[in-house]
C-alpha atoms as a PDB file:
ATOM      1  CA  UNK A   1     -56.876 -13.577 -54.483  1.00  0.00           C
ATOM      2  CA  UNK A   2     -54.313 -16.079 -56.038  1.00  0.00           C
ATOM      3  CA  UNK A   3     -51.278 -13.799 -54.356  1.00  0.00           C
ATOM      4  CA  UNK A   4     -53.138 -14.581 -51.321  1.00  0.00           C
ATOM      5  CA  UNK A   5     -53.548 -18.607 -50.945  1.00  0.00           C
ATOM      6  CA  UNK A   6     -49.697 -18.602 -52.662  1.00  0.00           C
ATOM      7  CA  UNK A   7     -48.459 -16.855 -49.764  1.00  0.00           C
ATOM      8  CA  UNK A   8     -50.275 -19.232 -47.505  1.00  0.00           C
ATOM      9  CA  UNK A   9     -48.863 -22.119 -49.021  1.00  0.00           C
ATOM     10  CA  UNK A  10     -45.732 -20.679 -48.973  1.00  0.00           C
ATOM     11  CA  UNK A  11     -46.228 -20.252 -45.314  1.00  0.00           C
ATOM     12  CA  UNK A  12     -47.380 -23.773 -44.617  1.00  0.00           C
ATOM     13  CA  UNK A  13     -43.991 -25.093 -46.384  1.00  0.00           C
ATOM     14  CA  UNK A  14     -41.785 -22.550 -44.162  1.00  0.00           C
ATOM     15  CA  UNK A  15     -44.344 -24.628 -41.400  1.00  0.00           C
ATOM     16  CA  UNK A  16     -43.326 -28.194 -42.879  1.00  0.00           C
ATOM     17  CA  UNK A  17     -40.187 -27.413 -42.509  1.00  0.00           C
ATOM     18  CA  UNK A  18     -39.434 -25.897 -39.389  1.00  0.00           C
ATOM     19  CA  UNK A  19     -41.072 -28.933 -37.869  1.00  0.00           C
ATOM     20  CA  UNK A  20     -38.999 -31.141 -39.758  1.00  0.00           C
ATOM     21  CA  UNK A  21     -35.811 -29.654 -38.918  1.00  0.00           C
ATOM     22  CA  UNK A  22     -36.987 -30.136 -34.955  1.00  0.00           C
ATOM     23  CA  UNK A  23     -37.635 -34.136 -36.066  1.00  0.00           C
ATOM     24  CA  UNK A  24     -33.951 -34.346 -38.047  1.00  0.00           C
ATOM     25  CA  UNK A  25     -32.584 -33.244 -34.741  1.00  0.00           C
ATOM     26  CA  UNK A  26     -34.601 -35.655 -33.279  1.00  0.00           C
ATOM     27  CA  UNK A  27     -32.852 -38.460 -34.984  1.00  0.00           C
ATOM     28  CA  UNK A  28     -29.381 -37.703 -34.588  1.00  0.00           C
ATOM     29  CA  UNK A  29     -30.052 -38.764 -31.433  1.00  0.00           C
ATOM     30  CA  UNK A  30     -29.889 -42.517 -32.820  1.00  0.00           C
ATOM     31  CA  UNK A  31     -26.073 -42.135 -34.312  1.00  0.00           C
ATOM     32  CA  UNK A  32     -24.332 -45.125 -34.453  1.00  0.00           C
ATOM     33  CA  UNK A  33     -27.192 -47.104 -31.943  1.00  0.00           C
ATOM     34  CA  UNK A  34     -30.422 -48.241 -34.547  1.00  0.00           C
ATOM     35  CA  UNK A  35     -27.509 -49.728 -37.423  1.00  0.00           C
ATOM     36  CA  UNK A  36     -28.837 -50.791 -38.862  1.00  0.00           C
ATOM     37  CA  UNK A  37     -31.948 -49.862 -38.432  1.00  0.00           C
ATOM     38  CA  UNK A  38     -31.900 -46.294 -39.710  1.00  0.00           C
ATOM     39  CA  UNK A  39     -32.037 -42.756 -37.642  1.00  0.00           C
ATOM     40  CA  UNK A  40     -35.798 -41.535 -37.904  1.00  0.00           C
ATOM     41  CA  UNK A  41     -37.215 -39.018 -35.884  1.00  0.00           C
ATOM     42  CA  UNK A  42     -40.410 -38.212 -35.689  1.00  0.00           C
ATOM     43  CA  UNK A  43     -42.447 -34.958 -34.208  1.00  0.00           C
ATOM     44  CA  UNK A  44     -46.454 -34.477 -33.581  1.00  0.00           C
ATOM     45  CA  UNK A  45     -47.953 -30.856 -33.884  1.00  0.00           C
ATOM     46  CA  UNK A  46     -51.762 -29.710 -32.942  1.00  0.00           C
ATOM     47  CA  UNK A  47     -52.265 -25.869 -33.353  1.00  0.00           C
ATOM     48  CA  UNK A  48     -49.038 -24.955 -34.772  1.00  0.00           C
ATOM     49  CA  UNK A  49     -47.364 -26.481 -31.844  1.00  0.00           C
ATOM     50  CA  UNK A  50     -45.701 -29.437 -30.676  1.00  0.00           C
ATOM     51  CA  UNK A  51     -47.576 -31.754 -28.064  1.00  0.00           C
ATOM     52  CA  UNK A  52     -45.653 -34.833 -29.029  1.00  0.00           C
ATOM     53  CA  UNK A  53     -41.527 -35.760 -29.644  1.00  0.00           C
ATOM     54  CA  UNK A  54     -40.413 -39.309 -30.310  1.00  0.00           C
ATOM     55  CA  UNK A  55     -36.852 -41.054 -31.765  1.00  0.00           C
ATOM     56  CA  UNK A  56     -35.711 -44.181 -32.876  1.00  0.00           C
ATOM     57  CA  UNK A  57     -32.944 -44.955 -29.736  1.00  0.00           C
ATOM     58  CA  UNK A  58     -31.255 -48.505 -31.230  1.00  0.00           C
ATOM     59  CA  UNK A  59     -32.391 -50.749 -33.010  1.00  0.00           C
ATOM     60  CA  UNK A  60     -34.167 -53.320 -31.234  1.00  0.00           C
ATOM     61  CA  UNK A  61     -36.485 -50.623 -29.589  1.00  0.00           C
ATOM     62  CA  UNK A  62     -40.056 -48.912 -30.613  1.00  0.00           C
ATOM     63  CA  UNK A  63     -39.858 -46.643 -33.835  1.00  0.00           C
ATOM     64  CA  UNK A  64     -39.783 -42.824 -33.670  1.00  0.00           C
ATOM     65  CA  UNK A  65     -43.677 -42.682 -33.992  1.00  0.00           C
ATOM     66  CA  UNK A  66     -44.478 -44.653 -31.253  1.00  0.00           C
ATOM     67  CA  UNK A  67     -42.111 -43.244 -29.134  1.00  0.00           C
ATOM     68  CA  UNK A  68     -43.791 -40.033 -30.198  1.00  0.00           C
ATOM     69  CA  UNK A  69     -47.426 -40.760 -29.953  1.00  0.00           C
ATOM     70  CA  UNK A  70     -46.122 -41.753 -26.164  1.00  0.00           C
ATOM     71  CA  UNK A  71     -45.236 -38.214 -25.394  1.00  0.00           C
ATOM     72  CA  UNK A  72     -48.549 -36.337 -25.864  1.00  0.00           C
ATOM     73  CA  UNK A  73     -49.740 -35.998 -22.888  1.00  0.00           C
ATOM     74  CA  UNK A  74     -54.169 -35.823 -24.113  1.00  0.00           C
ATOM     75  CA  UNK A  75     -54.602 -37.877 -26.906  1.00  0.00           C
ATOM     76  CA  UNK A  76     -57.575 -36.411 -27.605  1.00  0.00           C
ATOM     77  CA  UNK A  77     -55.040 -33.936 -30.074  1.00  0.00           C
ATOM     78  CA  UNK A  78     -53.993 -36.218 -31.909  1.00  0.00           C
ATOM     79  CA  UNK A  79     -57.649 -36.721 -33.689  1.00  0.00           C
ATOM     80  CA  UNK A  80     -56.409 -32.947 -34.253  1.00  0.00           C
ATOM     81  CA  UNK A  81     -53.015 -33.609 -35.198  1.00  0.00           C
ATOM     82  CA  UNK A  82     -49.715 -33.554 -37.698  1.00  0.00           C
ATOM     83  CA  UNK A  83     -47.078 -36.118 -37.837  1.00  0.00           C
ATOM     84  CA  UNK A  84     -44.361 -35.345 -39.052  1.00  0.00           C
ATOM     85  CA  UNK A  85     -41.395 -37.989 -39.299  1.00  0.00           C
ATOM     86  CA  UNK A  86     -37.748 -38.214 -41.554  1.00  0.00           C
ATOM     87  CA  UNK A  87     -39.307 -41.407 -43.341  1.00  0.00           C
ATOM     88  CA  UNK A  88     -42.032 -43.246 -43.926  1.00  0.00           C
ATOM     89  CA  UNK A  89     -43.549 -45.388 -41.660  1.00  0.00           C
ATOM     90  CA  UNK A  90     -43.347 -48.716 -41.695  1.00  0.00           C
ATOM     91  CA  UNK A  91     -46.018 -51.059 -42.313  1.00  0.00           C
ATOM     92  CA  UNK A  92     -45.058 -54.088 -41.977  1.00  0.00           C
ATOM     93  CA  UNK A  93     -44.034 -56.426 -38.975  1.00  0.00           C
ATOM     94  CA  UNK A  94     -40.349 -57.046 -38.132  1.00  0.00           C
ATOM     95  CA  UNK A  95     -39.443 -55.890 -34.075  1.00  0.00           C
ATOM     96  CA  UNK A  96     -41.668 -54.084 -33.751  1.00  0.00           C
ATOM     97  CA  UNK A  97     -45.750 -53.443 -35.135  1.00  0.00           C
ATOM     98  CA  UNK A  98     -46.191 -51.596 -38.603  1.00  0.00           C
ATOM     99  CA  UNK A  99     -46.088 -47.481 -37.466  1.00  0.00           C
ATOM    100  CA  UNK A 100     -48.607 -46.610 -40.271  1.00  0.00           C
ATOM    101  CA  UNK A 101     -50.961 -49.138 -38.582  1.00  0.00           C
ATOM    102  CA  UNK A 102     -50.554 -46.984 -35.397  1.00  0.00           C
ATOM    103  CA  UNK A 103     -51.116 -43.517 -37.027  1.00  0.00           C
ATOM    104  CA  UNK A 104     -54.455 -45.063 -38.604  1.00  0.00           C
ATOM    105  CA  UNK A 105     -55.656 -46.322 -35.234  1.00  0.00           C
ATOM    106  CA  UNK A 106     -54.950 -42.729 -33.516  1.00  0.00           C
ATOM    107  CA  UNK A 107     -56.715 -42.140 -36.658  1.00  0.00           C
ATOM    108  CA  UNK A 108     -53.898 -38.847 -36.878  1.00  0.00           C
ATOM    109  CA  UNK A 109     -55.652 -36.964 -40.010  1.00  0.00           C
ATOM    110  CA  UNK A 110     -52.329 -35.781 -41.541  1.00  0.00           C
ATOM    111  CA  UNK A 111     -48.694 -36.972 -41.598  1.00  0.00           C
ATOM    112  CA  UNK A 112     -45.631 -34.840 -43.157  1.00  0.00           C
ATOM    113  CA  UNK A 113     -42.800 -37.729 -44.518  1.00  0.00           C
ATOM    114  CA  UNK A 114     -38.972 -36.255 -45.641  1.00  0.00           C
ATOM    115  CA  UNK A 115     -38.623 -39.650 -47.778  1.00  0.00           C
ATOM    116  CA  UNK A 116     -39.394 -42.389 -48.601  1.00  0.00           C
ATOM    117  CA  UNK A 117     -37.847 -45.604 -47.200  1.00  0.00           C
ATOM    118  CA  UNK A 118     -35.724 -47.124 -49.721  1.00  0.00           C
ATOM    119  CA  UNK A 119     -35.885 -50.830 -48.059  1.00  0.00           C
ATOM    120  CA  UNK A 120     -37.795 -52.510 -50.755  1.00  0.00           C
ATOM    121  CA  UNK A 121     -39.474 -54.424 -47.919  1.00  0.00           C
ATOM    122  CA  UNK A 122     -41.417 -51.232 -46.964  1.00  0.00           C
ATOM    123  CA  UNK A 123     -41.026 -48.622 -49.890  1.00  0.00           C
ATOM    124  CA  UNK A 124     -43.986 -46.338 -50.878  1.00  0.00           C
ATOM    125  CA  UNK A 125     -46.330 -49.264 -48.723  1.00  0.00           C
ATOM    126  CA  UNK A 126     -46.346 -47.455 -45.442  1.00  0.00           C
ATOM    127  CA  UNK A 127     -47.914 -44.194 -47.997  1.00  0.00           C
ATOM    128  CA  UNK A 128     -50.025 -45.750 -49.679  1.00  0.00           C
ATOM    129  CA  UNK A 129     -51.425 -47.694 -46.040  1.00  0.00           C
ATOM    130  CA  UNK A 130     -51.447 -43.958 -45.046  1.00  0.00           C
ATOM    131  CA  UNK A 131     -53.620 -42.781 -48.036  1.00  0.00           C
ATOM    132  CA  UNK A 132     -56.002 -45.748 -48.441  1.00  0.00           C
ATOM    133  CA  UNK A 133     -57.183 -45.584 -44.549  1.00  0.00           C
ATOM    134  CA  UNK A 134     -57.402 -41.294 -45.350  1.00  0.00           C
ATOM    135  CA  UNK A 135     -54.371 -39.746 -43.763  1.00  0.00           C
ATOM    136  CA  UNK A 136     -53.633 -36.480 -45.922  1.00  0.00           C
ATOM    137  CA  UNK A 137     -50.145 -37.685 -46.575  1.00  0.00           C
ATOM    138  CA  UNK A 138     -46.398 -35.219 -48.428  1.00  0.00           C
ATOM    139  CA  UNK A 139     -43.649 -36.067 -49.497  1.00  0.00           C
ATOM    140  CA  UNK A 140     -39.960 -35.003 -49.808  1.00  0.00           C
ATOM    141  CA  UNK A 141     -39.989 -32.294 -47.145  1.00  0.00           C
ATOM    142  CA  UNK A 142     -36.065 -31.999 -45.834  1.00  0.00           C
ATOM    143  CA  UNK A 143     -35.580 -34.919 -48.589  1.00  0.00           C
ATOM    144  CA  UNK A 144     -32.153 -34.219 -48.858  1.00  0.00           C
ATOM    145  CA  UNK A 145     -31.019 -33.879 -45.300  1.00  0.00           C
ATOM    146  CA  UNK A 146     -33.315 -36.686 -44.771  1.00  0.00           C
ATOM    147  CA  UNK A 147     -31.132 -38.524 -47.295  1.00  0.00           C
ATOM    148  CA  UNK A 148     -28.103 -37.258 -45.482  1.00  0.00           C
ATOM    149  CA  UNK A 149     -28.934 -38.025 -42.288  1.00  0.00           C
ATOM    150  CA  UNK A 150     -28.919 -41.885 -43.087  1.00  0.00           C
ATOM    151  CA  UNK A 151     -26.510 -42.294 -46.442  1.00  0.00           C
ATOM    152  CA  UNK A 152     -25.780 -45.539 -45.382  1.00  0.00           C
ATOM    153  CA  UNK A 153     -28.445 -47.572 -45.233  1.00  0.00           C
ATOM    154  CA  UNK A 154     -30.247 -45.450 -48.094  1.00  0.00           C
ATOM    155  CA  UNK A 155     -27.210 -46.215 -50.698  1.00  0.00           C
ATOM    156  CA  UNK A 156     -27.286 -50.493 -49.337  1.00  0.00           C
ATOM    157  CA  UNK A 157     -30.787 -50.276 -49.809  1.00  0.00           C
ATOM    158  CA  UNK A 158     -31.000 -48.189 -52.862  1.00  0.00           C
ATOM    159  CA  UNK A 159     -27.485 -50.435 -54.502  1.00  0.00           C
ATOM    160  CA  UNK A 160     -27.783 -53.568 -52.639  1.00  0.00           C
ATOM    161  CA  UNK A 161     -23.993 -52.427 -51.678  1.00  0.00           C
ATOM    162  CA  UNK A 162     -22.852 -51.412 -48.546  1.00  0.00           C
ATOM    163  CA  UNK A 163     -21.909 -46.805 -47.849  1.00  0.00           C
ATOM    164  CA  UNK A 164     -17.918 -47.838 -48.254  1.00  0.00           C
ATOM    165  CA  UNK A 165     -16.123 -44.905 -46.172  1.00  0.00           C
ATOM    166  CA  UNK A 166     -11.793 -44.746 -46.546  1.00  0.00           C
ATOM    167  CA  UNK A 167      -9.623 -43.767 -43.303  1.00  0.00           C
ATOM    168  CA  UNK A 168      -6.051 -42.894 -43.483  1.00  0.00           C
ATOM    169  CA  UNK A 169      -2.739 -41.165 -42.726  1.00  0.00           C
ATOM    170  CA  UNK A 170      -0.590 -39.264 -44.474  1.00  0.00           C
ATOM    171  CA  UNK A 171       2.668 -37.607 -43.112  1.00  0.00           C
ATOM    172  CA  UNK A 172       3.077 -34.304 -44.693  1.00  0.00           C
ATOM    173  CA  UNK A 173       6.071 -36.098 -46.939  1.00  0.00           C
ATOM    174  CA  UNK A 174       2.983 -38.497 -48.113  1.00  0.00           C
ATOM    175  CA  UNK A 175       3.835 -41.411 -46.126  1.00  0.00           C
ATOM    176  CA  UNK A 176       0.799 -43.297 -44.241  1.00  0.00           C
ATOM    177  CA  UNK A 177       3.325 -45.940 -42.752  1.00  0.00           C
ATOM    178  CA  UNK A 178       6.433 -48.033 -41.256  1.00  0.00           C
ATOM    179  CA  UNK A 179       8.323 -50.416 -44.006  1.00  0.00           C
ATOM    180  CA  UNK A 180       8.091 -53.466 -42.046  1.00  0.00           C
ATOM    181  CA  UNK A 181      11.528 -53.551 -39.914  1.00  0.00           C
ATOM    182  CA  UNK A 182      11.340 -50.260 -39.468  1.00  0.00           C
ATOM    183  CA  UNK A 183      10.410 -49.769 -35.130  1.00  0.00           C
ATOM    184  CA  UNK A 184       9.724 -46.258 -35.049  1.00  0.00           C
ATOM    185  CA  UNK A 185       6.258 -44.977 -33.687  1.00  0.00           C
ATOM    186  CA  UNK A 186       3.516 -46.057 -36.386  1.00  0.00           C
ATOM    187  CA  UNK A 187       0.955 -43.520 -34.884  1.00  0.00           C
ATOM    188  CA  UNK A 188       0.970 -40.514 -37.324  1.00  0.00           C
ATOM    189  CA  UNK A 189      -2.464 -38.929 -36.209  1.00  0.00           C
ATOM    190  CA  UNK A 190      -3.228 -37.199 -33.269  1.00  0.00           C
ATOM    191  CA  UNK A 191      -5.291 -38.099 -30.435  1.00  0.00           C
ATOM    192  CA  UNK A 192      -7.839 -35.814 -31.126  1.00  0.00           C
ATOM    193  CA  UNK A 193      -8.557 -37.712 -34.653  1.00  0.00           C
ATOM    194  CA  UNK A 194      -9.135 -41.261 -32.795  1.00  0.00           C
ATOM    195  CA  UNK A 195     -11.518 -39.531 -31.372  1.00  0.00           C
ATOM    196  CA  UNK A 196     -12.867 -39.128 -34.652  1.00  0.00           C
ATOM    197  CA  UNK A 197     -11.573 -41.479 -35.839  1.00  0.00           C
ATOM    198  CA  UNK A 198     -13.569 -44.264 -34.115  1.00  0.00           C
ATOM    199  CA  UNK A 199     -16.786 -42.385 -34.185  1.00  0.00           C
ATOM    200  CA  UNK A 200     -16.803 -43.443 -37.952  1.00  0.00           C
ATOM    201  CA  UNK A 201     -16.143 -46.524 -35.811  1.00  0.00           C
ATOM    202  CA  UNK A 202     -19.611 -46.285 -34.375  1.00  0.00           C
ATOM    203  CA  UNK A 203     -21.384 -45.101 -37.080  1.00  0.00           C
ATOM    204  CA  UNK A 204     -19.990 -47.517 -40.198  1.00  0.00           C
ATOM    205  CA  UNK A 205     -21.355 -51.317 -39.718  1.00  0.00           C
ATOM    206  CA  UNK A 206     -18.051 -52.516 -40.536  1.00  0.00           C
ATOM    207  CA  UNK A 207     -13.888 -51.848 -40.774  1.00  0.00           C
ATOM    208  CA  UNK A 208     -11.649 -53.709 -42.931  1.00  0.00           C
ATOM    209  CA  UNK A 209      -7.780 -53.998 -43.193  1.00  0.00           C
ATOM    210  CA  UNK A 210      -5.386 -55.507 -45.189  1.00  0.00           C
ATOM    211  CA  UNK A 211      -3.628 -59.111 -44.147  1.00  0.00           C
ATOM    212  CA  UNK A 212      -0.713 -57.262 -43.676  1.00  0.00           C
ATOM    213  CA  UNK A 213      -1.606 -54.635 -41.580  1.00  0.00           C
ATOM    214  CA  UNK A 214      -3.195 -57.737 -39.232  1.00  0.00           C
ATOM    215  CA  UNK A 215       0.493 -58.854 -39.354  1.00  0.00           C
ATOM    216  CA  UNK A 216       2.128 -55.986 -38.328  1.00  0.00           C
ATOM    217  CA  UNK A 217      -0.128 -54.057 -36.189  1.00  0.00           C
ATOM    218  CA  UNK A 218      -2.610 -56.542 -34.659  1.00  0.00           C
ATOM    219  CA  UNK A 219      -4.787 -53.647 -34.114  1.00  0.00           C
ATOM    220  CA  UNK A 220      -7.925 -54.103 -32.064  1.00  0.00           C
ATOM    221  CA  UNK A 221     -10.042 -52.504 -34.591  1.00  0.00           C
ATOM    222  CA  UNK A 222     -12.848 -50.929 -31.441  1.00  0.00           C
ATOM    223  CA  UNK A 223     -14.395 -47.255 -31.154  1.00  0.00           C
ATOM    224  CA  UNK A 224     -13.866 -48.105 -27.683  1.00  0.00           C
ATOM    225  CA  UNK A 225     -13.467 -44.583 -27.228  1.00  0.00           C
ATOM    226  CA  UNK A 226     -16.518 -43.564 -28.429  1.00  0.00           C
ATOM    227  CA  UNK A 227     -20.450 -45.164 -27.101  1.00  0.00           C
ATOM    228  CA  UNK A 228     -21.818 -46.973 -29.496  1.00  0.00           C
ATOM    229  CA  UNK A 229     -21.282 -51.000 -30.247  1.00  0.00           C
ATOM    230  CA  UNK A 230     -18.459 -52.237 -32.116  1.00  0.00           C
ATOM    231  CA  UNK A 231     -18.211 -53.028 -36.349  1.00  0.00           C
ATOM    232  CA  UNK A 232     -18.482 -56.573 -38.068  1.00  0.00           C
ATOM    233  CA  UNK A 233     -14.402 -56.732 -38.415  1.00  0.00           C
ATOM    234  CA  UNK A 234     -12.889 -58.074 -41.622  1.00  0.00           C
ATOM    235  CA  UNK A 235      -9.766 -58.126 -43.421  1.00  0.00           C
ATOM    236  CA  UNK A 236      -8.881 -59.005 -46.857  1.00  0.00           C
ATOM    237  CA  UNK A 237      -6.566 -61.372 -48.193  1.00  0.00           C
ATOM    238  CA  UNK A 238      -5.470 -65.206 -48.974  1.00  0.00           C
ATOM    239  CA  UNK A 239      -3.203 -65.576 -46.066  1.00  0.00           C
ATOM    240  CA  UNK A 240      -4.345 -67.272 -42.325  1.00  0.00           C
ATOM    241  CA  UNK A 241      -4.474 -64.983 -39.172  1.00  0.00           C
ATOM    242  CA  UNK A 242      -4.826 -66.652 -35.873  1.00  0.00           C
ATOM    243  CA  UNK A 243      -7.166 -64.320 -34.876  1.00  0.00           C
ATOM    244  CA  UNK A 244     -10.660 -65.359 -34.523  1.00  0.00           C
ATOM    245  CA  UNK A 245     -11.918 -61.996 -33.802  1.00  0.00           C
ATOM    246  CA  UNK A 246     -11.721 -61.154 -37.634  1.00  0.00           C
ATOM    247  CA  UNK A 247     -13.761 -62.565 -40.795  1.00  0.00           C
ATOM    248  CA  UNK A 248     -11.232 -62.835 -44.008  1.00  0.00           C
ATOM    249  CA  UNK A 249     -12.218 -61.906 -48.174  1.00  0.00           C
ATOM    250  CA  UNK A 250     -10.587 -62.377 -49.900  1.00  0.00           C
ATOM    251  CA  UNK A 251     -12.099 -59.986 -52.138  1.00  0.00           C
ATOM    252  CA  UNK A 252     -14.152 -56.972 -52.442  1.00  0.00           C
ATOM    253  CA  UNK A 253     -16.579 -57.991 -54.074  1.00  0.00           C
ATOM    254  CA  UNK A 254     -17.184 -61.546 -51.754  1.00  0.00           C
ATOM    255  CA  UNK A 255     -16.671 -58.822 -48.942  1.00  0.00           C
ATOM    256  CA  UNK A 256     -19.509 -57.099 -50.429  1.00  0.00           C
ATOM    257  CA  UNK A 257     -21.288 -60.478 -50.904  1.00  0.00           C
ATOM    258  CA  UNK A 258     -21.035 -60.934 -47.266  1.00  0.00           C
ATOM    259  CA  UNK A 259     -22.415 -57.876 -46.103  1.00  0.00           C
ATOM    260  CA  UNK A 260     -25.930 -57.629 -48.347  1.00  0.00           C
ATOM    261  CA  UNK A 261     -26.452 -61.428 -47.035  1.00  0.00           C
ATOM    262  CA  UNK A 262     -26.167 -60.328 -43.542  1.00  0.00           C
ATOM    263  CA  UNK A 263     -27.381 -56.502 -43.538  1.00  0.00           C
ATOM    264  CA  UNK A 264     -24.529 -54.927 -43.404  1.00  0.00           C
ATOM    265  CA  UNK A 265     -24.988 -51.270 -44.805  1.00  0.00           C
ATOM    266  CA  UNK A 266     -21.501 -49.536 -44.030  1.00  0.00           C
ATOM    267  CA  UNK A 267     -17.885 -50.050 -44.295  1.00  0.00           C
ATOM    268  CA  UNK A 268     -14.588 -48.529 -42.578  1.00  0.00           C
ATOM    269  CA  UNK A 269     -11.491 -49.419 -45.184  1.00  0.00           C
ATOM    270  CA  UNK A 270      -8.418 -48.566 -42.693  1.00  0.00           C
ATOM    271  CA  UNK A 271      -5.836 -49.958 -44.869  1.00  0.00           C
ATOM    272  CA  UNK A 272      -2.959 -50.344 -44.915  1.00  0.00           C
ATOM    273  CA  UNK A 273      -2.258 -49.085 -48.893  1.00  0.00           C
ATOM    274  CA  UNK A 274      -2.576 -51.709 -51.106  1.00  0.00           C
ATOM    275  CA  UNK A 275      -6.265 -52.778 -49.211  1.00  0.00           C
ATOM    276  CA  UNK A 276      -7.106 -48.436 -50.013  1.00  0.00           C
ATOM    277  CA  UNK A 277      -6.347 -48.618 -53.157  1.00  0.00           C
ATOM    278  CA  UNK A 278      -7.462 -51.853 -54.663  1.00  0.00           C
ATOM    279  CA  UNK A 279     -10.800 -49.809 -53.710  1.00  0.00           C
ATOM    280  CA  UNK A 280      -9.310 -46.639 -54.969  1.00  0.00           C
ATOM    281  CA  UNK A 281      -8.587 -48.777 -57.992  1.00  0.00           C
ATOM    282  CA  UNK A 282     -11.955 -49.916 -58.279  1.00  0.00           C
ATOM    283  CA  UNK A 283     -14.385 -46.949 -57.496  1.00  0.00           C
ATOM    284  CA  UNK A 284     -15.584 -49.055 -55.415  1.00  0.00           C
ATOM    285  CA  UNK A 285     -15.685 -45.898 -52.343  1.00  0.00           C
ATOM    286  CA  UNK A 286     -18.264 -43.172 -51.790  1.00  0.00           C
ATOM    287  CA  UNK A 287     -16.241 -41.115 -49.478  1.00  0.00           C
ATOM    288  CA  UNK A 288     -12.678 -40.800 -48.122  1.00  0.00           C
ATOM    289  CA  UNK A 289     -11.424 -39.338 -45.213  1.00  0.00           C
ATOM    290  CA  UNK A 290      -7.627 -37.717 -45.347  1.00  0.00           C
ATOM    291  CA  UNK A 291      -5.530 -37.042 -42.000  1.00  0.00           C
ATOM    292  CA  UNK A 292      -2.191 -35.693 -42.961  1.00  0.00           C
ATOM    293  CA  UNK A 293      -0.116 -34.906 -39.601  1.00  0.00           C
ATOM    294  CA  UNK A 294       2.455 -32.128 -39.313  1.00  0.00           C
ATOM    295  CA  UNK A 295       5.246 -34.197 -38.739  1.00  0.00           C
ATOM    296  CA  UNK A 296       7.840 -35.354 -41.598  1.00  0.00           C
ATOM    297  CA  UNK A 297       9.531 -39.895 -42.217  1.00  0.00           C
ATOM    298  CA  UNK A 298      10.930 -39.268 -45.049  1.00  0.00           C
ATOM    299  CA  UNK A 299      10.906 -42.861 -46.432  1.00  0.00           C
ATOM    300  CA  UNK A 300       8.461 -46.104 -45.442  1.00  0.00           C
ATOM    301  CA  UNK A 301       4.978 -46.242 -47.201  1.00  0.00           C
ATOM    302  CA  UNK A 302       2.997 -43.732 -49.876  1.00  0.00           C
ATOM    303  CA  UNK A 303      -0.009 -42.660 -48.914  1.00  0.00           C
ATOM    304  CA  UNK A 304      -2.295 -42.431 -51.916  1.00  0.00           C
ATOM    305  CA  UNK A 305      -2.546 -39.610 -54.059  1.00  0.00           C
ATOM    306  CA  UNK A 306      -5.849 -38.086 -54.365  1.00  0.00           C
ATOM    307  CA  UNK A 307      -6.870 -35.593 -56.726  1.00  0.00           C
ATOM    308  CA  UNK A 308      -7.387 -32.440 -54.628  1.00  0.00           C
ATOM    309  CA  UNK A 309     -10.031 -29.881 -56.038  1.00  0.00           C
ATOM    310  CA  UNK A 310     -12.591 -32.739 -54.750  1.00  0.00           C
ATOM    311  CA  UNK A 311     -12.299 -31.854 -51.085  1.00  0.00           C
ATOM    312  CA  UNK A 312     -13.617 -30.147 -48.354  1.00  0.00           C
ATOM    313  CA  UNK A 313     -11.045 -29.377 -45.366  1.00  0.00           C
ATOM    314  CA  UNK A 314     -11.169 -28.847 -42.099  1.00  0.00           C
ATOM    315  CA  UNK A 315      -8.749 -28.844 -38.500  1.00  0.00           C
ATOM    316  CA  UNK A 316      -8.845 -31.282 -35.825  1.00  0.00           C
ATOM    317  CA  UNK A 317      -6.124 -30.112 -32.952  1.00  0.00           C
ATOM    318  CA  UNK A 318      -3.175 -30.161 -34.871  1.00  0.00           C
ATOM    319  CA  UNK A 319      -4.204 -32.391 -38.567  1.00  0.00           C
ATOM    320  CA  UNK A 320      -5.433 -30.768 -41.212  1.00  0.00           C
ATOM    321  CA  UNK A 321      -8.273 -33.435 -42.486  1.00  0.00           C
ATOM    322  CA  UNK A 322      -9.752 -33.429 -46.224  1.00  0.00           C
ATOM    323  CA  UNK A 323     -12.843 -35.496 -47.279  1.00  0.00           C
ATOM    324  CA  UNK A 324     -13.054 -36.271 -50.790  1.00  0.00           C
ATOM    325  CA  UNK A 325     -16.689 -37.560 -52.297  1.00  0.00           C
ATOM    326  CA  UNK A 326     -16.259 -40.521 -54.796  1.00  0.00           C
END
């Protein structure tokens, strides 16, 4: 008898994972549009069939659970359904009313949740509210995948610091920039890599350069090649700039305090070399992307030297991308 209950248990875990995987697929549709909120996906299952789906489409829009519940054609079935969601349903009134209340109101008897919400305003409260109302709650199905989906949001709420991604391009001979008086091309990487960088810009709420980069290159720092809103622009340095669209920060700690205050959950650090080195030396970074182009410049500003043993490599056009984790 024990064996059959064991096999039944396994099949239900496999079923849970199948429906949670679909919820994660849906969540991704909100990428770059929900900041500073997380991406969330939700499915509603009746008799092992999906009858409702939803995701959080943009900041301030209805949450995934609301969209999924609305999409169910026969609302009577909700009382016999399971709800799968990639993040704990909210329990507070923010831009929208609490999703936990809606689940209770619709008398959905079971909720399967990938992970707790790390936001101190929510964490555990949504789950507790559901349980107190008699909803059967399971937490932790595909949690690693759910955490990976909202890395910057989770890191920000667990540590109080923004999630930091470094990015630079380099030549085969390890050069990342021209000297001030060298008027050759400043572009190292390809157009394909530029698309990739603009995608990163859409996923992280802030972008940081050094004051020299701002002066020499006067970069736009927008994600014009990728959908989504532009990041908040910062530069690190003591010197003033005449650009009023870029916020000056004198140190990493000042920058982090500002981000915590303004709910800026992630930062893309685009250089130059002094700015990148300051993050590398302080250890205040989470990921780094080094874009190596098949060119040689022979002299110029040296790119950071990274330990290659903890990197993944992929190709973008003719460029080689090394992806490091701290």
